[in-house]
């Protein structure tokens, strides 16, 4: 997924500005997404959440046994999130690669949006993000941090809608870097699946030292 030329690009702008990078080679279609959710019945650390359009609180949250009964219908009309997939064997190799490359704690989440069903309100995350578009397309709107050192607690601010300064269109195979503290909102253009790779405690000087020209 992350080639050396990707890393060199990121090393120049890490903790600074968002950047779109093409291309990765991960693929997950809606059928596989459903299979992954179902397989969580056997995983102790997995969790499936279902969100109504534009809401930041889960409409239904809990272990997959609780959500599988309505999962098929939810995939047609709502935002479905599979949390902590780094614990699933299918993603062990990717998780190790990201951890070995960047250091820090890595979390992987999968997001399935029904067609034109917008995701969360504008918000920021207290860690760096790599967004891998796996299926369909999605528009990402971003705005710079409003704090020099963004807090881990970040209430959503709908008024940030008018302050977006960066727009990226991600198609299948695109990768987007979002720095810690940048406000963002995703808008699917069709049925869409993306993976969010959260990376905490990334030391910039170590990254530059590792990939600086010899």
C-alpha atoms as a PDB file:
ATOM      1  CA  UNK A   1       0.000   0.000   0.000  1.00  0.00           C
ATOM      2  CA  UNK A   2       2.700   2.511   1.017  1.00  0.00           C
ATOM      3  CA  UNK A   3       5.616   2.550  -1.405  1.00  0.00           C
ATOM      4  CA  UNK A   4       8.893   4.327  -0.652  1.00  0.00           C
ATOM      5  CA  UNK A   5       7.994   7.207  -2.993  1.00  0.00           C
ATOM      6  CA  UNK A   6       4.745   7.674  -1.023  1.00  0.00           C
ATOM      7  CA  UNK A   7       6.781   7.913   2.184  1.00  0.00           C
ATOM      8  CA  UNK A   8       9.174  10.435   0.689  1.00  0.00           C
ATOM      9  CA  UNK A   9       6.258  12.641  -0.319  1.00  0.00           C
ATOM     10  CA  UNK A  10       4.740  12.415   3.152  1.00  0.00           C
ATOM     11  CA  UNK A  11       8.084  13.138   4.847  1.00  0.00           C
ATOM     12  CA  UNK A  12       8.115  16.599   3.286  1.00  0.00           C
ATOM     13  CA  UNK A  13       4.701  17.687   4.530  1.00  0.00           C
ATOM     14  CA  UNK A  14       3.993  15.559   7.629  1.00  0.00           C
ATOM     15  CA  UNK A  15       2.198  17.576  10.329  1.00  0.00           C
ATOM     16  CA  UNK A  16       1.866  20.457   7.831  1.00  0.00           C
ATOM     17  CA  UNK A  17      -0.664  20.207   5.001  1.00  0.00           C
ATOM     18  CA  UNK A  18      -2.998  17.594   3.512  1.00  0.00           C
ATOM     19  CA  UNK A  19      -1.872  15.801   0.381  1.00  0.00           C
ATOM     20  CA  UNK A  20      -3.452  13.410  -2.093  1.00  0.00           C
ATOM     21  CA  UNK A  21      -1.340  10.487  -3.300  1.00  0.00           C
ATOM     22  CA  UNK A  22      -2.198   7.949  -5.981  1.00  0.00           C
ATOM     23  CA  UNK A  23      -2.185   4.923  -6.091  1.00  0.00           C
ATOM     24  CA  UNK A  24      -2.591   2.143  -3.539  1.00  0.00           C
ATOM     25  CA  UNK A  25      -3.658  -1.396  -4.367  1.00  0.00           C
ATOM     26  CA  UNK A  26      -6.125  -2.290  -1.622  1.00  0.00           C
ATOM     27  CA  UNK A  27      -9.581  -3.351  -2.754  1.00  0.00           C
ATOM     28  CA  UNK A  28     -12.721  -4.081  -0.742  1.00  0.00           C
ATOM     29  CA  UNK A  29     -16.135  -4.229  -2.404  1.00  0.00           C
ATOM     30  CA  UNK A  30     -19.525  -4.067  -0.626  1.00  0.00           C
ATOM     31  CA  UNK A  31     -19.824  -7.860  -0.554  1.00  0.00           C
ATOM     32  CA  UNK A  32     -16.433  -8.195   1.143  1.00  0.00           C
ATOM     33  CA  UNK A  33     -17.335  -5.428   3.604  1.00  0.00           C
ATOM     34  CA  UNK A  34     -20.396  -7.423   4.661  1.00  0.00           C
ATOM     35  CA  UNK A  35     -18.280 -10.568   5.010  1.00  0.00           C
ATOM     36  CA  UNK A  36     -15.822  -8.715   7.251  1.00  0.00           C
ATOM     37  CA  UNK A  37     -18.639  -7.448   9.465  1.00  0.00           C
ATOM     38  CA  UNK A  38     -20.042 -10.954   9.747  1.00  0.00           C
ATOM     39  CA  UNK A  39     -16.634 -12.408  10.559  1.00  0.00           C
ATOM     40  CA  UNK A  40     -16.376 -10.074  13.552  1.00  0.00           C
ATOM     41  CA  UNK A  41     -18.686 -12.473  15.357  1.00  0.00           C
ATOM     42  CA  UNK A  42     -15.507 -14.468  15.949  1.00  0.00           C
ATOM     43  CA  UNK A  43     -13.335 -11.475  16.926  1.00  0.00           C
ATOM     44  CA  UNK A  44     -13.153 -10.245  20.547  1.00  0.00           C
ATOM     45  CA  UNK A  45     -12.007  -6.696  19.719  1.00  0.00           C
ATOM     46  CA  UNK A  46     -14.188  -5.744  16.770  1.00  0.00           C
ATOM     47  CA  UNK A  47     -17.178  -3.446  16.796  1.00  0.00           C
ATOM     48  CA  UNK A  48     -19.749  -2.364  14.220  1.00  0.00           C
ATOM     49  CA  UNK A  49     -21.478   1.039  14.422  1.00  0.00           C
ATOM     50  CA  UNK A  50     -24.388   2.317  12.334  1.00  0.00           C
ATOM     51  CA  UNK A  51     -24.992   6.067  11.909  1.00  0.00           C
ATOM     52  CA  UNK A  52     -27.932   8.065  10.623  1.00  0.00           C
ATOM     53  CA  UNK A  53     -27.196  10.664   7.943  1.00  0.00           C
ATOM     54  CA  UNK A  54     -25.025  13.517   9.222  1.00  0.00           C
ATOM     55  CA  UNK A  55     -25.040  12.371  12.864  1.00  0.00           C
ATOM     56  CA  UNK A  56     -21.929  11.920  14.997  1.00  0.00           C
ATOM     57  CA  UNK A  57     -23.547   9.630  17.576  1.00  0.00           C
ATOM     58  CA  UNK A  58     -24.121   6.028  16.614  1.00  0.00           C
ATOM     59  CA  UNK A  59     -27.724   5.093  15.880  1.00  0.00           C
ATOM     60  CA  UNK A  60     -26.820   1.497  16.758  1.00  0.00           C
ATOM     61  CA  UNK A  61     -23.575   0.443  18.392  1.00  0.00           C
ATOM     62  CA  UNK A  62     -22.415  -2.812  19.827  1.00  0.00           C
ATOM     63  CA  UNK A  63     -20.966  -6.218  19.084  1.00  0.00           C
ATOM     64  CA  UNK A  64     -21.765  -7.608  15.630  1.00  0.00           C
ATOM     65  CA  UNK A  65     -24.263 -10.103  17.050  1.00  0.00           C
ATOM     66  CA  UNK A  66     -26.429  -7.090  17.904  1.00  0.00           C
ATOM     67  CA  UNK A  67     -26.122  -5.352  14.529  1.00  0.00           C
ATOM     68  CA  UNK A  68     -25.963  -8.176  11.991  1.00  0.00           C
ATOM     69  CA  UNK A  69     -29.737  -8.600  11.962  1.00  0.00           C
ATOM     70  CA  UNK A  70     -30.165  -5.178  10.309  1.00  0.00           C
ATOM     71  CA  UNK A  71     -26.783  -4.891   8.587  1.00  0.00           C
ATOM     72  CA  UNK A  72     -28.032  -5.670   5.066  1.00  0.00           C
ATOM     73  CA  UNK A  73     -30.619  -2.881   5.213  1.00  0.00           C
ATOM     74  CA  UNK A  74     -28.242  -0.445   6.910  1.00  0.00           C
ATOM     75  CA  UNK A  75     -25.724  -0.809   4.083  1.00  0.00           C
ATOM     76  CA  UNK A  76     -28.360   0.574   1.692  1.00  0.00           C
ATOM     77  CA  UNK A  77     -29.289   3.699   3.646  1.00  0.00           C
ATOM     78  CA  UNK A  78     -26.789   4.517   6.406  1.00  0.00           C
ATOM     79  CA  UNK A  79     -23.120   4.911   7.328  1.00  0.00           C
ATOM     80  CA  UNK A  80     -21.700   1.643   8.670  1.00  0.00           C
ATOM     81  CA  UNK A  81     -18.342   1.637  10.484  1.00  0.00           C
ATOM     82  CA  UNK A  82     -16.230  -1.401  11.357  1.00  0.00           C
ATOM     83  CA  UNK A  83     -13.797  -0.415  14.114  1.00  0.00           C
ATOM     84  CA  UNK A  84     -10.400  -1.847  15.025  1.00  0.00           C
ATOM     85  CA  UNK A  85      -9.922  -4.088  11.986  1.00  0.00           C
ATOM     86  CA  UNK A  86      -6.166  -4.109  12.646  1.00  0.00           C
ATOM     87  CA  UNK A  87      -6.948  -7.073  14.921  1.00  0.00           C
ATOM     88  CA  UNK A  88      -8.290  -9.120  12.002  1.00  0.00           C
ATOM     89  CA  UNK A  89      -5.794 -11.508  10.332  1.00  0.00           C
ATOM     90  CA  UNK A  90      -6.534 -10.021   6.904  1.00  0.00           C
ATOM     91  CA  UNK A  91      -5.040  -6.698   8.028  1.00  0.00           C
ATOM     92  CA  UNK A  92      -2.104  -7.866  10.174  1.00  0.00           C
ATOM     93  CA  UNK A  93       0.436  -7.381   7.378  1.00  0.00           C
ATOM     94  CA  UNK A  94      -0.770  -3.861   6.562  1.00  0.00           C
ATOM     95  CA  UNK A  95      -0.784  -2.904  10.240  1.00  0.00           C
ATOM     96  CA  UNK A  96       2.783  -4.147  10.728  1.00  0.00           C
ATOM     97  CA  UNK A  97       3.957  -2.290   7.616  1.00  0.00           C
ATOM     98  CA  UNK A  98       2.482   1.005   8.812  1.00  0.00           C
ATOM     99  CA  UNK A  99       3.822   0.524  12.351  1.00  0.00           C
ATOM    100  CA  UNK A 100       7.300  -0.397  11.119  1.00  0.00           C
ATOM    101  CA  UNK A 101       7.354   2.574   8.748  1.00  0.00           C
ATOM    102  CA  UNK A 102       5.926   5.316  10.928  1.00  0.00           C
ATOM    103  CA  UNK A 103       6.096   4.046  14.507  1.00  0.00           C
ATOM    104  CA  UNK A 104       3.427   4.847  17.059  1.00  0.00           C
ATOM    105  CA  UNK A 105       0.030   3.276  17.605  1.00  0.00           C
ATOM    106  CA  UNK A 106      -1.892   2.306  14.450  1.00  0.00           C
ATOM    107  CA  UNK A 107      -5.658   1.811  14.207  1.00  0.00           C
ATOM    108  CA  UNK A 108      -7.622   0.752  11.119  1.00  0.00           C
ATOM    109  CA  UNK A 109     -11.329   1.483  10.626  1.00  0.00           C
ATOM    110  CA  UNK A 110     -13.539   0.729   7.609  1.00  0.00           C
ATOM    111  CA  UNK A 111     -16.396   3.027   6.512  1.00  0.00           C
ATOM    112  CA  UNK A 112     -19.246   2.093   4.164  1.00  0.00           C
ATOM    113  CA  UNK A 113     -21.460   4.960   2.962  1.00  0.00           C
ATOM    114  CA  UNK A 114     -24.670   4.386   1.080  1.00  0.00           C
ATOM    115  CA  UNK A 115     -24.956   6.499  -2.072  1.00  0.00           C
ATOM    116  CA  UNK A 116     -25.058  10.245  -1.251  1.00  0.00           C
ATOM    117  CA  UNK A 117     -25.456   9.514   2.477  1.00  0.00           C
ATOM    118  CA  UNK A 118     -23.075  12.010   4.063  1.00  0.00           C
ATOM    119  CA  UNK A 119     -20.900  10.947   6.958  1.00  0.00           C
ATOM    120  CA  UNK A 120     -20.005  12.775  10.152  1.00  0.00           C
ATOM    121  CA  UNK A 121     -20.337  16.545  10.698  1.00  0.00           C
ATOM    122  CA  UNK A 122     -17.122  18.594  10.357  1.00  0.00           C
ATOM    123  CA  UNK A 123     -14.606  17.464  12.978  1.00  0.00           C
ATOM    124  CA  UNK A 124     -10.909  16.806  13.487  1.00  0.00           C
ATOM    125  CA  UNK A 125      -9.003  13.812  14.790  1.00  0.00           C
ATOM    126  CA  UNK A 126      -6.291  13.962  17.498  1.00  0.00           C
ATOM    127  CA  UNK A 127      -3.887  11.945  15.317  1.00  0.00           C
ATOM    128  CA  UNK A 128      -2.596  11.809  11.752  1.00  0.00           C
ATOM    129  CA  UNK A 129      -4.773  10.060   9.172  1.00  0.00           C
ATOM    130  CA  UNK A 130      -4.188   8.197   5.953  1.00  0.00           C
ATOM    131  CA  UNK A 131      -7.429   7.721   4.004  1.00  0.00           C
ATOM    132  CA  UNK A 132      -7.437   4.912   1.431  1.00  0.00           C
ATOM    133  CA  UNK A 133     -10.385   4.953  -0.976  1.00  0.00           C
ATOM    134  CA  UNK A 134     -11.255   1.299  -1.573  1.00  0.00           C
ATOM    135  CA  UNK A 135     -14.504   1.449  -3.553  1.00  0.00           C
ATOM    136  CA  UNK A 136     -16.497   4.212  -5.221  1.00  0.00           C
ATOM    137  CA  UNK A 137     -15.647   7.902  -4.835  1.00  0.00           C
ATOM    138  CA  UNK A 138     -15.840  10.516  -2.112  1.00  0.00           C
ATOM    139  CA  UNK A 139     -15.264  14.278  -1.801  1.00  0.00           C
ATOM    140  CA  UNK A 140     -13.237  15.412   1.216  1.00  0.00           C
ATOM    141  CA  UNK A 141     -13.475  19.035   2.381  1.00  0.00           C
ATOM    142  CA  UNK A 142     -10.805  20.280   4.799  1.00  0.00           C
ATOM    143  CA  UNK A 143      -9.990  23.391   6.824  1.00  0.00           C
ATOM    144  CA  UNK A 144      -6.785  24.264   8.737  1.00  0.00           C
ATOM    145  CA  UNK A 145      -6.520  23.763  12.510  1.00  0.00           C
ATOM    146  CA  UNK A 146      -8.049  26.435  14.701  1.00  0.00           C
ATOM    147  CA  UNK A 147      -5.672  25.658  17.582  1.00  0.00           C
ATOM    148  CA  UNK A 148      -1.869  25.486  17.580  1.00  0.00           C
ATOM    149  CA  UNK A 149      -2.033  22.288  19.615  1.00  0.00           C
ATOM    150  CA  UNK A 150      -5.433  20.675  18.944  1.00  0.00           C
ATOM    151  CA  UNK A 151      -7.009  19.023  21.946  1.00  0.00           C
ATOM    152  CA  UNK A 152      -7.832  15.330  22.012  1.00  0.00           C
ATOM    153  CA  UNK A 153     -11.377  16.440  22.817  1.00  0.00           C
ATOM    154  CA  UNK A 154     -12.870  18.024  19.711  1.00  0.00           C
ATOM    155  CA  UNK A 155     -16.560  18.911  19.679  1.00  0.00           C
ATOM    156  CA  UNK A 156     -18.006  18.988  16.183  1.00  0.00           C
ATOM    157  CA  UNK A 157     -18.480  22.469  14.768  1.00  0.00           C
ATOM    158  CA  UNK A 158     -21.094  22.650  11.984  1.00  0.00           C
ATOM    159  CA  UNK A 159     -20.126  26.306  11.395  1.00  0.00           C
ATOM    160  CA  UNK A 160     -16.855  25.057   9.914  1.00  0.00           C
ATOM    161  CA  UNK A 161     -18.867  24.253   6.766  1.00  0.00           C
ATOM    162  CA  UNK A 162     -18.169  27.750   5.427  1.00  0.00           C
ATOM    163  CA  UNK A 163     -14.465  27.646   6.299  1.00  0.00           C
ATOM    164  CA  UNK A 164     -13.304  24.730   4.142  1.00  0.00           C
ATOM    165  CA  UNK A 165     -10.217  25.693   2.127  1.00  0.00           C
ATOM    166  CA  UNK A 166      -9.147  22.373   0.563  1.00  0.00           C
ATOM    167  CA  UNK A 167     -11.209  19.965  -1.536  1.00  0.00           C
ATOM    168  CA  UNK A 168     -10.030  16.531  -2.662  1.00  0.00           C
ATOM    169  CA  UNK A 169     -11.915  14.035  -4.815  1.00  0.00           C
ATOM    170  CA  UNK A 170     -10.859  10.477  -3.981  1.00  0.00           C
ATOM    171  CA  UNK A 171     -11.518   7.677  -6.429  1.00  0.00           C
ATOM    172  CA  UNK A 172     -10.782   4.000  -5.928  1.00  0.00           C
ATOM    173  CA  UNK A 173      -7.032   3.626  -5.450  1.00  0.00           C
ATOM    174  CA  UNK A 174      -6.383   7.158  -4.120  1.00  0.00           C
ATOM    175  CA  UNK A 175      -4.693   7.893  -0.794  1.00  0.00           C
ATOM    176  CA  UNK A 176      -5.169  11.113   1.205  1.00  0.00           C
ATOM    177  CA  UNK A 177      -3.029  12.334   4.108  1.00  0.00           C
ATOM    178  CA  UNK A 178      -4.854  14.495   6.692  1.00  0.00           C
ATOM    179  CA  UNK A 179      -2.642  16.042   9.408  1.00  0.00           C
ATOM    180  CA  UNK A 180      -3.587  15.999  13.060  1.00  0.00           C
ATOM    181  CA  UNK A 181      -6.039  18.778  13.891  1.00  0.00           C
ATOM    182  CA  UNK A 182      -7.269  19.535  10.368  1.00  0.00           C
ATOM    183  CA  UNK A 183     -11.056  19.847  10.147  1.00  0.00           C
ATOM    184  CA  UNK A 184     -12.620  17.521   7.615  1.00  0.00           C
ATOM    185  CA  UNK A 185     -15.896  16.242   6.249  1.00  0.00           C
ATOM    186  CA  UNK A 186     -16.453  13.448   3.711  1.00  0.00           C
ATOM    187  CA  UNK A 187     -19.246  13.429   1.121  1.00  0.00           C
ATOM    188  CA  UNK A 188     -19.752  10.221  -0.883  1.00  0.00           C
ATOM    189  CA  UNK A 189     -20.670  10.593  -4.546  1.00  0.00           C
ATOM    190  CA  UNK A 190     -21.909   7.012  -4.780  1.00  0.00           C
ATOM    191  CA  UNK A 191     -21.738   3.882  -2.660  1.00  0.00           C
ATOM    192  CA  UNK A 192     -18.316   4.274  -1.081  1.00  0.00           C
ATOM    193  CA  UNK A 193     -15.902   2.320   1.104  1.00  0.00           C
ATOM    194  CA  UNK A 194     -12.751   3.806   2.589  1.00  0.00           C
ATOM    195  CA  UNK A 195     -10.215   2.782   5.199  1.00  0.00           C
ATOM    196  CA  UNK A 196      -8.988   5.250   7.801  1.00  0.00           C
ATOM    197  CA  UNK A 197      -5.478   4.542   9.093  1.00  0.00           C
ATOM    198  CA  UNK A 198      -4.891   6.440  12.334  1.00  0.00           C
ATOM    199  CA  UNK A 199      -1.237   7.007  13.309  1.00  0.00           C
ATOM    200  CA  UNK A 200      -0.440   8.408  16.747  1.00  0.00           C
ATOM    201  CA  UNK A 201       2.852   9.844  18.034  1.00  0.00           C
ATOM    202  CA  UNK A 202       4.667  10.065  14.694  1.00  0.00           C
ATOM    203  CA  UNK A 203       8.059  11.758  15.303  1.00  0.00           C
ATOM    204  CA  UNK A 204       8.839  13.881  12.227  1.00  0.00           C
ATOM    205  CA  UNK A 205      12.596  13.918  12.738  1.00  0.00           C
ATOM    206  CA  UNK A 206      12.712  10.114  12.770  1.00  0.00           C
ATOM    207  CA  UNK A 207      10.735   9.947   9.542  1.00  0.00           C
ATOM    208  CA  UNK A 208      13.050  12.407   7.798  1.00  0.00           C
ATOM    209  CA  UNK A 209      16.145  10.642   9.103  1.00  0.00           C
ATOM    210  CA  UNK A 210      14.911   7.288   7.847  1.00  0.00           C
ATOM    211  CA  UNK A 211      14.087   8.444   4.325  1.00  0.00           C
ATOM    212  CA  UNK A 212      16.510  11.332   3.769  1.00  0.00           C
ATOM    213  CA  UNK A 213      18.767  10.963   0.704  1.00  0.00           C
ATOM    214  CA  UNK A 214      22.070   9.322   1.564  1.00  0.00           C
END
